[in-house]
PDB file of N, CA and C in Angstrom:
ATOM      1  N   TYR A   1     -66.131  19.257  30.670  1.00  0.00           N
ATOM      2  CA  TYR A   1     -65.013  19.060  31.496  1.00  0.00           C
ATOM      3  C   TYR A   1     -64.733  20.179  32.587  1.00  0.00           C
ATOM      4  N   ILE A   2     -64.711  19.640  33.813  1.00  0.00           N
ATOM      5  CA  ILE A   2     -64.689  20.682  34.778  1.00  0.00           C
ATOM      6  C   ILE A   2     -63.225  20.179  35.634  1.00  0.00           C
ATOM      7  N   GLY A   3     -62.285  21.033  35.804  1.00  0.00           N
ATOM      8  CA  GLY A   3     -61.031  20.772  36.300  1.00  0.00           C
ATOM      9  C   GLY A   3     -60.312  22.157  36.498  1.00  0.00           C
ATOM     10  N   ASP A   4     -59.152  22.106  36.905  1.00  0.00           N
ATOM     11  CA  ASP A   4     -57.983  23.168  37.299  1.00  0.00           C
ATOM     12  C   ASP A   4     -57.138  23.315  36.117  1.00  0.00           C
ATOM     13  N   ILE A   5     -56.689  24.326  35.459  1.00  0.00           N
ATOM     14  CA  ILE A   5     -55.942  24.487  34.286  1.00  0.00           C
ATOM     15  C   ILE A   5     -54.548  24.484  34.937  1.00  0.00           C
ATOM     16  N   CYS A   6     -54.043  24.516  36.054  1.00  0.00           N
ATOM     17  CA  CYS A   6     -53.200  24.341  36.642  1.00  0.00           C
ATOM     18  C   CYS A   6     -52.630  22.700  36.802  1.00  0.00           C
ATOM     19  N   ASP A   7     -53.523  22.076  36.676  1.00  0.00           N
ATOM     20  CA  ASP A   7     -53.277  20.567  36.720  1.00  0.00           C
ATOM     21  C   ASP A   7     -52.957  20.119  35.233  1.00  0.00           C
ATOM     22  N   PHE A   8     -51.787  19.889  34.944  1.00  0.00           N
ATOM     23  CA  PHE A   8     -51.302  19.471  33.235  1.00  0.00           C
ATOM     24  C   PHE A   8     -51.820  18.483  33.089  1.00  0.00           C
ATOM     25  N   GLU A   9     -52.069  17.301  34.019  1.00  0.00           N
ATOM     26  CA  GLU A   9     -52.789  15.915  33.559  1.00  0.00           C
ATOM     27  C   GLU A   9     -54.008  16.054  33.281  1.00  0.00           C
ATOM     28  N   PHE A  10     -54.746  17.045  34.182  1.00  0.00           N
ATOM     29  CA  PHE A  10     -56.202  17.089  33.707  1.00  0.00           C
ATOM     30  C   PHE A  10     -56.358  17.543  32.248  1.00  0.00           C
ATOM     31  N   LEU A  11     -55.445  18.702  31.875  1.00  0.00           N
ATOM     32  CA  LEU A  11     -55.471  19.078  30.591  1.00  0.00           C
ATOM     33  C   LEU A  11     -55.309  18.419  29.458  1.00  0.00           C
ATOM     34  N   SER A  12     -53.883  17.521  29.787  1.00  0.00           N
ATOM     35  CA  SER A  12     -53.594  16.349  28.885  1.00  0.00           C
ATOM     36  C   SER A  12     -54.785  15.413  28.639  1.00  0.00           C
ATOM     37  N   GLU A  13     -55.238  14.935  29.843  1.00  0.00           N
ATOM     38  CA  GLU A  13     -56.270  14.058  29.364  1.00  0.00           C
ATOM     39  C   GLU A  13     -57.530  14.605  28.608  1.00  0.00           C
ATOM     40  N   THR A  14     -57.925  15.761  28.930  1.00  0.00           N
ATOM     41  CA  THR A  14     -59.106  16.519  28.249  1.00  0.00           C
ATOM     42  C   THR A  14     -58.703  16.752  26.957  1.00  0.00           C
ATOM     43  N   PHE A  15     -57.469  17.181  26.704  1.00  0.00           N
ATOM     44  CA  PHE A  15     -57.231  17.477  25.256  1.00  0.00           C
ATOM     45  C   PHE A  15     -56.967  16.221  24.334  1.00  0.00           C
ATOM     46  N   LYS A  16     -56.465  14.946  24.864  1.00  0.00           N
ATOM     47  CA  LYS A  16     -56.519  13.758  24.107  1.00  0.00           C
ATOM     48  C   LYS A  16     -57.796  13.390  24.017  1.00  0.00           C
ATOM     49  N   SER A  17     -58.644  13.292  24.873  1.00  0.00           N
ATOM     50  CA  SER A  17     -60.134  12.856  24.494  1.00  0.00           C
ATOM     51  C   SER A  17     -61.172  13.786  23.841  1.00  0.00           C
ATOM     52  N   PHE A  18     -60.851  14.946  23.972  1.00  0.00           N
ATOM     53  CA  PHE A  18     -61.959  15.997  23.252  1.00  0.00           C
ATOM     54  C   PHE A  18     -61.248  16.490  21.919  1.00  0.00           C
ATOM     55  N   GLU A  19     -59.803  16.510  21.781  1.00  0.00           N
ATOM     56  CA  GLU A  19     -59.350  17.087  20.546  1.00  0.00           C
ATOM     57  C   GLU A  19     -59.954  18.117  20.116  1.00  0.00           C
ATOM     58  N   PRO A  20     -59.881  19.451  20.781  1.00  0.00           N
ATOM     59  CA  PRO A  20     -60.549  20.585  20.405  1.00  0.00           C
ATOM     60  C   PRO A  20     -59.649  21.404  19.127  1.00  0.00           C
ATOM     61  N   ASP A  21     -60.864  22.011  18.253  1.00  0.00           N
ATOM     62  CA  ASP A  21     -60.067  22.792  17.228  1.00  0.00           C
ATOM     63  C   ASP A  21     -59.797  24.337  17.431  1.00  0.00           C
ATOM     64  N   SER A  22     -60.425  24.540  18.694  1.00  0.00           N
ATOM     65  CA  SER A  22     -60.221  25.882  19.320  1.00  0.00           C
ATOM     66  C   SER A  22     -60.539  25.956  20.847  1.00  0.00           C
ATOM     67  N   VAL A  23     -59.705  26.736  21.497  1.00  0.00           N
ATOM     68  CA  VAL A  23     -59.917  26.973  22.895  1.00  0.00           C
ATOM     69  C   VAL A  23     -60.041  28.386  23.368  1.00  0.00           C
ATOM     70  N   VAL A  24     -60.949  28.581  24.027  1.00  0.00           N
ATOM     71  CA  VAL A  24     -61.235  29.943  24.514  1.00  0.00           C
ATOM     72  C   VAL A  24     -60.812  30.042  25.867  1.00  0.00           C
ATOM     73  N   HIS A  25     -59.727  30.648  26.128  1.00  0.00           N
ATOM     74  CA  HIS A  25     -59.287  30.647  27.413  1.00  0.00           C
ATOM     75  C   HIS A  25     -59.799  32.011  28.378  1.00  0.00           C
ATOM     76  N   PHE A  26     -60.444  31.444  29.162  1.00  0.00           N
ATOM     77  CA  PHE A  26     -61.238  32.512  30.268  1.00  0.00           C
ATOM     78  C   PHE A  26     -60.590  32.056  31.583  1.00  0.00           C
ATOM     79  N   GLY A  27     -59.467  31.132  31.805  1.00  0.00           N
ATOM     80  CA  GLY A  27     -59.287  30.497  33.112  1.00  0.00           C
ATOM     81  C   GLY A  27     -58.461  31.309  33.857  1.00  0.00           C
ATOM     82  N   GLU A  28     -58.415  32.703  33.693  1.00  0.00           N
ATOM     83  CA  GLU A  28     -57.418  33.415  34.538  1.00  0.00           C
ATOM     84  C   GLU A  28     -58.310  34.404  35.515  1.00  0.00           C
ATOM     85  N   GLN A  29     -57.740  34.544  36.678  1.00  0.00           N
ATOM     86  CA  GLN A  29     -58.342  35.350  37.707  1.00  0.00           C
ATOM     87  C   GLN A  29     -57.850  36.908  37.581  1.00  0.00           C
ATOM     88  N   ARG A  30     -58.941  37.721  37.690  1.00  0.00           N
ATOM     89  CA  ARG A  30     -58.402  39.177  37.628  1.00  0.00           C
ATOM     90  C   ARG A  30     -57.571  39.447  38.705  1.00  0.00           C
ATOM     91  N   SER A  31     -56.397  40.061  38.694  1.00  0.00           N
ATOM     92  CA  SER A  31     -55.274  40.313  39.439  1.00  0.00           C
ATOM     93  C   SER A  31     -55.757  41.407  40.625  1.00  0.00           C
ATOM     94  N   ALA A  32     -56.373  42.468  40.092  1.00  0.00           N
ATOM     95  CA  ALA A  32     -56.602  43.636  41.163  1.00  0.00           C
ATOM     96  C   ALA A  32     -58.177  43.258  41.646  1.00  0.00           C
ATOM     97  N   PRO A  33     -58.573  43.723  42.642  1.00  0.00           N
ATOM     98  CA  PRO A  33     -57.779  43.875  43.973  1.00  0.00           C
ATOM     99  C   PRO A  33     -57.291  42.774  44.692  1.00  0.00           C
ATOM    100  N   TYR A  34     -57.961  41.625  44.319  1.00  0.00           N
ATOM    101  CA  TYR A  34     -57.764  40.245  45.185  1.00  0.00           C
ATOM    102  C   TYR A  34     -56.371  40.294  45.499  1.00  0.00           C
ATOM    103  N   SER A  35     -55.481  40.337  44.520  1.00  0.00           N
ATOM    104  CA  SER A  35     -54.160  39.744  44.693  1.00  0.00           C
ATOM    105  C   SER A  35     -53.299  41.040  45.342  1.00  0.00           C
ATOM    106  N   MET A  36     -53.758  42.343  45.640  1.00  0.00           N
ATOM    107  CA  MET A  36     -53.457  42.959  46.648  1.00  0.00           C
ATOM    108  C   MET A  36     -53.654  42.916  48.073  1.00  0.00           C
ATOM    109  N   ILE A  37     -54.496  41.823  48.541  1.00  0.00           N
ATOM    110  CA  ILE A  37     -55.022  41.454  49.819  1.00  0.00           C
ATOM    111  C   ILE A  37     -53.607  41.176  50.637  1.00  0.00           C
ATOM    112  N   ASP A  38     -53.024  40.357  50.071  1.00  0.00           N
ATOM    113  CA  ASP A  38     -52.143  39.760  50.980  1.00  0.00           C
ATOM    114  C   ASP A  38     -50.973  38.856  49.885  1.00  0.00           C
ATOM    115  N   ARG A  39     -49.747  38.496  50.526  1.00  0.00           N
ATOM    116  CA  ARG A  39     -48.924  37.867  49.915  1.00  0.00           C
ATOM    117  C   ARG A  39     -49.421  36.400  49.154  1.00  0.00           C
ATOM    118  N   SER A  40     -50.268  35.681  49.852  1.00  0.00           N
ATOM    119  CA  SER A  40     -50.778  34.511  49.552  1.00  0.00           C
ATOM    120  C   SER A  40     -51.477  34.403  48.385  1.00  0.00           C
ATOM    121  N   ARG A  41     -52.543  35.620  48.607  1.00  0.00           N
ATOM    122  CA  ARG A  41     -53.360  35.852  47.482  1.00  0.00           C
ATOM    123  C   ARG A  41     -52.577  36.515  45.950  1.00  0.00           C
ATOM    124  N   ALA A  42     -51.701  37.216  46.163  1.00  0.00           N
ATOM    125  CA  ALA A  42     -50.886  37.655  44.996  1.00  0.00           C
ATOM    126  C   ALA A  42     -50.144  36.349  44.476  1.00  0.00           C
ATOM    127  N   VAL A  43     -49.557  35.389  45.459  1.00  0.00           N
ATOM    128  CA  VAL A  43     -49.063  34.163  44.772  1.00  0.00           C
ATOM    129  C   VAL A  43     -49.807  33.589  44.118  1.00  0.00           C
ATOM    130  N   PHE A  44     -51.129  33.269  44.781  1.00  0.00           N
ATOM    131  CA  PHE A  44     -52.342  32.349  44.103  1.00  0.00           C
ATOM    132  C   PHE A  44     -52.702  32.746  42.678  1.00  0.00           C
ATOM    133  N   THR A  45     -52.703  34.181  42.572  1.00  0.00           N
ATOM    134  CA  THR A  45     -53.323  34.819  41.366  1.00  0.00           C
ATOM    135  C   THR A  45     -52.235  34.535  40.245  1.00  0.00           C
ATOM    136  N   GLN A  46     -50.795  34.843  40.547  1.00  0.00           N
ATOM    137  CA  GLN A  46     -49.746  34.565  39.815  1.00  0.00           C
ATOM    138  C   GLN A  46     -49.717  33.187  39.251  1.00  0.00           C
ATOM    139  N   ASN A  47     -49.884  32.410  40.102  1.00  0.00           N
ATOM    140  CA  ASN A  47     -49.617  30.728  39.838  1.00  0.00           C
ATOM    141  C   ASN A  47     -50.724  30.324  38.934  1.00  0.00           C
ATOM    142  N   ASN A  48     -52.282  30.907  39.409  1.00  0.00           N
ATOM    143  CA  ASN A  48     -53.080  30.510  38.349  1.00  0.00           C
ATOM    144  C   ASN A  48     -53.082  30.977  36.996  1.00  0.00           C
ATOM    145  N   ASN A  49     -52.508  32.306  36.835  1.00  0.00           N
ATOM    146  CA  ASN A  49     -52.818  33.201  35.605  1.00  0.00           C
ATOM    147  C   ASN A  49     -51.584  32.698  34.933  1.00  0.00           C
ATOM    148  N   VAL A  50     -50.259  32.703  35.462  1.00  0.00           N
ATOM    149  CA  VAL A  50     -49.245  32.145  34.703  1.00  0.00           C
ATOM    150  C   VAL A  50     -49.052  30.666  34.206  1.00  0.00           C
ATOM    151  N   ILE A  51     -49.078  29.914  35.382  1.00  0.00           N
ATOM    152  CA  ILE A  51     -48.911  28.502  35.052  1.00  0.00           C
ATOM    153  C   ILE A  51     -50.073  27.831  34.460  1.00  0.00           C
ATOM    154  N   GLY A  52     -51.290  28.345  34.809  1.00  0.00           N
ATOM    155  CA  GLY A  52     -52.476  27.841  34.083  1.00  0.00           C
ATOM    156  C   GLY A  52     -52.310  28.200  32.610  1.00  0.00           C
ATOM    157  N   THR A  53     -51.944  29.327  32.145  1.00  0.00           N
ATOM    158  CA  THR A  53     -51.709  29.724  30.704  1.00  0.00           C
ATOM    159  C   THR A  53     -50.820  28.988  30.003  1.00  0.00           C
ATOM    160  N   LEU A  54     -49.514  28.662  30.925  1.00  0.00           N
ATOM    161  CA  LEU A  54     -48.681  27.747  29.938  1.00  0.00           C
ATOM    162  C   LEU A  54     -48.969  26.614  29.954  1.00  0.00           C
ATOM    163  N   ASN A  55     -49.777  25.916  30.827  1.00  0.00           N
ATOM    164  CA  ASN A  55     -50.226  24.580  30.713  1.00  0.00           C
ATOM    165  C   ASN A  55     -51.190  24.510  29.459  1.00  0.00           C
ATOM    166  N   VAL A  56     -51.986  25.408  29.251  1.00  0.00           N
ATOM    167  CA  VAL A  56     -52.948  25.511  28.288  1.00  0.00           C
ATOM    168  C   VAL A  56     -52.135  25.468  26.969  1.00  0.00           C
ATOM    169  N   LEU A  57     -50.969  26.282  26.750  1.00  0.00           N
ATOM    170  CA  LEU A  57     -50.355  26.418  25.765  1.00  0.00           C
ATOM    171  C   LEU A  57     -49.532  25.122  25.364  1.00  0.00           C
ATOM    172  N   PHE A  58     -48.814  24.612  26.312  1.00  0.00           N
ATOM    173  CA  PHE A  58     -48.313  23.347  26.092  1.00  0.00           C
ATOM    174  C   PHE A  58     -48.965  22.128  25.994  1.00  0.00           C
ATOM    175  N   ALA A  59     -50.273  22.248  26.394  1.00  0.00           N
ATOM    176  CA  ALA A  59     -51.278  21.154  25.865  1.00  0.00           C
ATOM    177  C   ALA A  59     -51.783  21.220  24.567  1.00  0.00           C
ATOM    178  N   ILE A  60     -51.717  22.307  24.157  1.00  0.00           N
ATOM    179  CA  ILE A  60     -52.112  22.643  22.742  1.00  0.00           C
ATOM    180  C   ILE A  60     -50.838  22.124  21.919  1.00  0.00           C
ATOM    181  N   LYS A  61     -49.747  22.401  22.164  1.00  0.00           N
ATOM    182  CA  LYS A  61     -48.444  22.118  21.483  1.00  0.00           C
ATOM    183  C   LYS A  61     -48.182  20.592  21.494  1.00  0.00           C
ATOM    184  N   GLU A  62     -48.460  19.920  22.797  1.00  0.00           N
ATOM    185  CA  GLU A  62     -48.202  18.587  22.468  1.00  0.00           C
ATOM    186  C   GLU A  62     -49.384  17.437  22.221  1.00  0.00           C
ATOM    187  N   TYR A  63     -50.542  18.084  22.351  1.00  0.00           N
ATOM    188  CA  TYR A  63     -51.680  17.346  21.769  1.00  0.00           C
ATOM    189  C   TYR A  63     -52.589  17.713  20.760  1.00  0.00           C
ATOM    190  N   ARG A  64     -52.531  18.772  20.476  1.00  0.00           N
ATOM    191  CA  ARG A  64     -53.315  19.449  19.248  1.00  0.00           C
ATOM    192  C   ARG A  64     -52.893  20.749  18.654  1.00  0.00           C
ATOM    193  N   GLU A  65     -51.830  20.556  18.086  1.00  0.00           N
ATOM    194  CA  GLU A  65     -51.008  21.834  17.434  1.00  0.00           C
ATOM    195  C   GLU A  65     -51.804  22.467  16.341  1.00  0.00           C
ATOM    196  N   GLU A  66     -52.891  22.153  15.690  1.00  0.00           N
ATOM    197  CA  GLU A  66     -53.723  22.880  14.820  1.00  0.00           C
ATOM    198  C   GLU A  66     -54.950  23.383  15.699  1.00  0.00           C
ATOM    199  N   CYS A  67     -54.687  23.227  16.845  1.00  0.00           N
ATOM    200  CA  CYS A  67     -55.869  23.903  17.679  1.00  0.00           C
ATOM    201  C   CYS A  67     -55.477  25.599  17.803  1.00  0.00           C
ATOM    202  N   HIS A  68     -56.610  26.488  17.561  1.00  0.00           N
ATOM    203  CA  HIS A  68     -56.405  27.569  17.754  1.00  0.00           C
ATOM    204  C   HIS A  68     -56.673  28.120  19.430  1.00  0.00           C
ATOM    205  N   LEU A  69     -56.080  29.142  19.816  1.00  0.00           N
ATOM    206  CA  LEU A  69     -56.153  29.639  20.914  1.00  0.00           C
ATOM    207  C   LEU A  69     -56.659  30.988  21.044  1.00  0.00           C
ATOM    208  N   VAL A  70     -57.613  31.367  21.677  1.00  0.00           N
ATOM    209  CA  VAL A  70     -58.357  32.451  21.910  1.00  0.00           C
ATOM    210  C   VAL A  70     -58.118  33.159  23.387  1.00  0.00           C
ATOM    211  N   LYS A  71     -57.197  33.831  23.760  1.00  0.00           N
ATOM    212  CA  LYS A  71     -56.864  34.318  25.030  1.00  0.00           C
ATOM    213  C   LYS A  71     -57.464  35.829  25.473  1.00  0.00           C
ATOM    214  N   LEU A  72     -58.462  35.763  26.193  1.00  0.00           N
ATOM    215  CA  LEU A  72     -59.124  36.858  26.584  1.00  0.00           C
ATOM    216  C   LEU A  72     -58.529  37.788  27.826  1.00  0.00           C
ATOM    217  N   GLY A  73     -58.452  38.855  27.891  1.00  0.00           N
ATOM    218  CA  GLY A  73     -58.266  39.517  29.090  1.00  0.00           C
ATOM    219  C   GLY A  73     -59.070  40.893  29.452  1.00  0.00           C
ATOM    220  N   THR A  74     -59.014  41.208  30.593  1.00  0.00           N
ATOM    221  CA  THR A  74     -59.853  42.514  30.815  1.00  0.00           C
ATOM    222  C   THR A  74     -59.183  43.662  31.535  1.00  0.00           C
ATOM    223  N   MET A  75     -59.901  44.638  31.642  1.00  0.00           N
ATOM    224  CA  MET A  75     -58.956  45.874  32.420  1.00  0.00           C
ATOM    225  C   MET A  75     -58.946  45.398  33.732  1.00  0.00           C
ATOM    226  N   GLY A  76     -59.893  44.552  34.189  1.00  0.00           N
ATOM    227  CA  GLY A  76     -59.405  44.138  35.704  1.00  0.00           C
ATOM    228  C   GLY A  76     -58.414  43.535  35.766  1.00  0.00           C
ATOM    229  N   GLU A  77     -57.666  42.729  34.887  1.00  0.00           N
ATOM    230  CA  GLU A  77     -56.397  42.148  34.961  1.00  0.00           C
ATOM    231  C   GLU A  77     -55.333  43.087  34.781  1.00  0.00           C
ATOM    232  N   TYR A  78     -55.559  43.799  33.819  1.00  0.00           N
ATOM    233  CA  TYR A  78     -54.292  44.991  33.545  1.00  0.00           C
ATOM    234  C   TYR A  78     -54.522  46.400  33.754  1.00  0.00           C
ATOM    235  N   GLY A  79     -55.417  46.701  34.414  1.00  0.00           N
ATOM    236  CA  GLY A  79     -55.862  48.199  34.544  1.00  0.00           C
ATOM    237  C   GLY A  79     -56.250  49.135  33.502  1.00  0.00           C
ATOM    238  N   THR A  80     -56.531  50.058  33.744  1.00  0.00           N
ATOM    239  CA  THR A  80     -57.002  51.187  32.712  1.00  0.00           C
ATOM    240  C   THR A  80     -55.865  51.801  32.187  1.00  0.00           C
ATOM    241  N   PRO A  81     -55.668  52.284  30.770  1.00  0.00           N
ATOM    242  CA  PRO A  81     -54.404  52.789  30.277  1.00  0.00           C
ATOM    243  C   PRO A  81     -54.563  54.191  30.507  1.00  0.00           C
ATOM    244  N   ASN A  82     -53.682  55.088  30.327  1.00  0.00           N
ATOM    245  CA  ASN A  82     -53.586  56.377  30.467  1.00  0.00           C
ATOM    246  C   ASN A  82     -54.193  56.973  29.302  1.00  0.00           C
ATOM    247  N   ILE A  83     -54.363  56.312  28.099  1.00  0.00           N
ATOM    248  CA  ILE A  83     -54.723  57.039  26.756  1.00  0.00           C
ATOM    249  C   ILE A  83     -56.266  56.348  26.375  1.00  0.00           C
ATOM    250  N   ASP A  84     -57.064  57.036  25.485  1.00  0.00           N
ATOM    251  CA  ASP A  84     -58.150  56.391  24.960  1.00  0.00           C
ATOM    252  C   ASP A  84     -58.157  55.399  24.350  1.00  0.00           C
ATOM    253  N   ILE A  85     -58.900  54.316  24.645  1.00  0.00           N
ATOM    254  CA  ILE A  85     -58.751  53.024  23.841  1.00  0.00           C
ATOM    255  C   ILE A  85     -59.524  53.106  22.404  1.00  0.00           C
ATOM    256  N   GLU A  86     -58.643  53.064  21.607  1.00  0.00           N
ATOM    257  CA  GLU A  86     -59.160  52.996  20.150  1.00  0.00           C
ATOM    258  C   GLU A  86     -60.205  51.729  19.906  1.00  0.00           C
ATOM    259  N   GLU A  87     -61.286  52.315  19.136  1.00  0.00           N
ATOM    260  CA  GLU A  87     -62.180  51.281  18.494  1.00  0.00           C
ATOM    261  C   GLU A  87     -62.124  51.138  17.085  1.00  0.00           C
ATOM    262  N   GLY A  88     -62.269  50.076  16.168  1.00  0.00           N
ATOM    263  CA  GLY A  88     -62.090  50.095  14.817  1.00  0.00           C
ATOM    264  C   GLY A  88     -60.858  49.933  14.465  1.00  0.00           C
ATOM    265  N   TYR A  89     -60.501  50.540  13.479  1.00  0.00           N
ATOM    266  CA  TYR A  89     -59.192  50.706  12.567  1.00  0.00           C
ATOM    267  C   TYR A  89     -58.387  51.573  13.370  1.00  0.00           C
ATOM    268  N   ILE A  90     -57.009  51.404  13.394  1.00  0.00           N
ATOM    269  CA  ILE A  90     -56.046  52.434  13.919  1.00  0.00           C
ATOM    270  C   ILE A  90     -55.016  52.717  13.105  1.00  0.00           C
ATOM    271  N   THR A  91     -54.338  53.575  12.808  1.00  0.00           N
ATOM    272  CA  THR A  91     -53.281  53.805  12.001  1.00  0.00           C
ATOM    273  C   THR A  91     -51.874  53.926  12.923  1.00  0.00           C
ATOM    274  N   ILE A  92     -50.906  52.947  12.639  1.00  0.00           N
ATOM    275  CA  ILE A  92     -49.707  53.273  13.584  1.00  0.00           C
ATOM    276  C   ILE A  92     -48.752  53.481  12.564  1.00  0.00           C
ATOM    277  N   THR A  93     -47.645  54.520  12.745  1.00  0.00           N
ATOM    278  CA  THR A  93     -46.428  54.594  12.421  1.00  0.00           C
ATOM    279  C   THR A  93     -45.478  54.318  13.411  1.00  0.00           C
ATOM    280  N   HIS A  94     -44.375  53.590  12.698  1.00  0.00           N
ATOM    281  CA  HIS A  94     -43.031  53.235  13.572  1.00  0.00           C
ATOM    282  C   HIS A  94     -42.129  53.146  12.707  1.00  0.00           C
ATOM    283  N   ASN A  95     -40.888  53.522  13.300  1.00  0.00           N
ATOM    284  CA  ASN A  95     -39.916  53.560  12.486  1.00  0.00           C
ATOM    285  C   ASN A  95     -39.920  53.928  10.912  1.00  0.00           C
ATOM    286  N   GLY A  96     -40.598  54.780  10.462  1.00  0.00           N
ATOM    287  CA  GLY A  96     -40.839  55.327   9.175  1.00  0.00           C
ATOM    288  C   GLY A  96     -41.773  54.546   8.488  1.00  0.00           C
ATOM    289  N   ARG A  97     -42.494  53.359   9.209  1.00  0.00           N
ATOM    290  CA  ARG A  97     -43.572  52.642   8.474  1.00  0.00           C
ATOM    291  C   ARG A  97     -44.760  52.829   8.942  1.00  0.00           C
ATOM    292  N   THR A  98     -45.811  52.657   8.143  1.00  0.00           N
ATOM    293  CA  THR A  98     -47.186  52.855   8.454  1.00  0.00           C
ATOM    294  C   THR A  98     -48.049  51.819   8.175  1.00  0.00           C
ATOM    295  N   ASP A  99     -48.881  51.415   9.060  1.00  0.00           N
ATOM    296  CA  ASP A  99     -49.828  50.588   8.797  1.00  0.00           C
ATOM    297  C   ASP A  99     -51.062  50.769   9.370  1.00  0.00           C
ATOM    298  N   THR A 100     -52.162  50.092   8.971  1.00  0.00           N
ATOM    299  CA  THR A 100     -53.618  50.166   9.622  1.00  0.00           C
ATOM    300  C   THR A 100     -54.064  48.981  10.218  1.00  0.00           C
ATOM    301  N   LEU A 101     -54.240  49.090  11.428  1.00  0.00           N
ATOM    302  CA  LEU A 101     -54.817  47.311  12.060  1.00  0.00           C
ATOM    303  C   LEU A 101     -56.015  47.836  12.642  1.00  0.00           C
ATOM    304  N   PRO A 102     -56.838  46.397  12.335  1.00  0.00           N
ATOM    305  CA  PRO A 102     -58.208  46.184  13.131  1.00  0.00           C
ATOM    306  C   PRO A 102     -57.966  46.549  14.685  1.00  0.00           C
TER     307      PRO A 102
END
């Protein structure tokens, strides 16, 4: 299927005919530096990323609730954090509770 995730009718027809068990969502545009060029590119990026993702979520909800969504992002979207990125398991303590997460 080739189409625009900002077009909910396209997504609706796709979900109805394909009935996916899972969706890997790569349909976002990296925000920087493209969105910093000017207002129109910033608006395009936000519209594509936010409205597109909402459309995917609502298509799953309305047509295929048992479908699993894998949404991936990159540092190109969110930037590099000021801390090292942990790999493997990480132990977190918050409000006196400790847990180890993958």
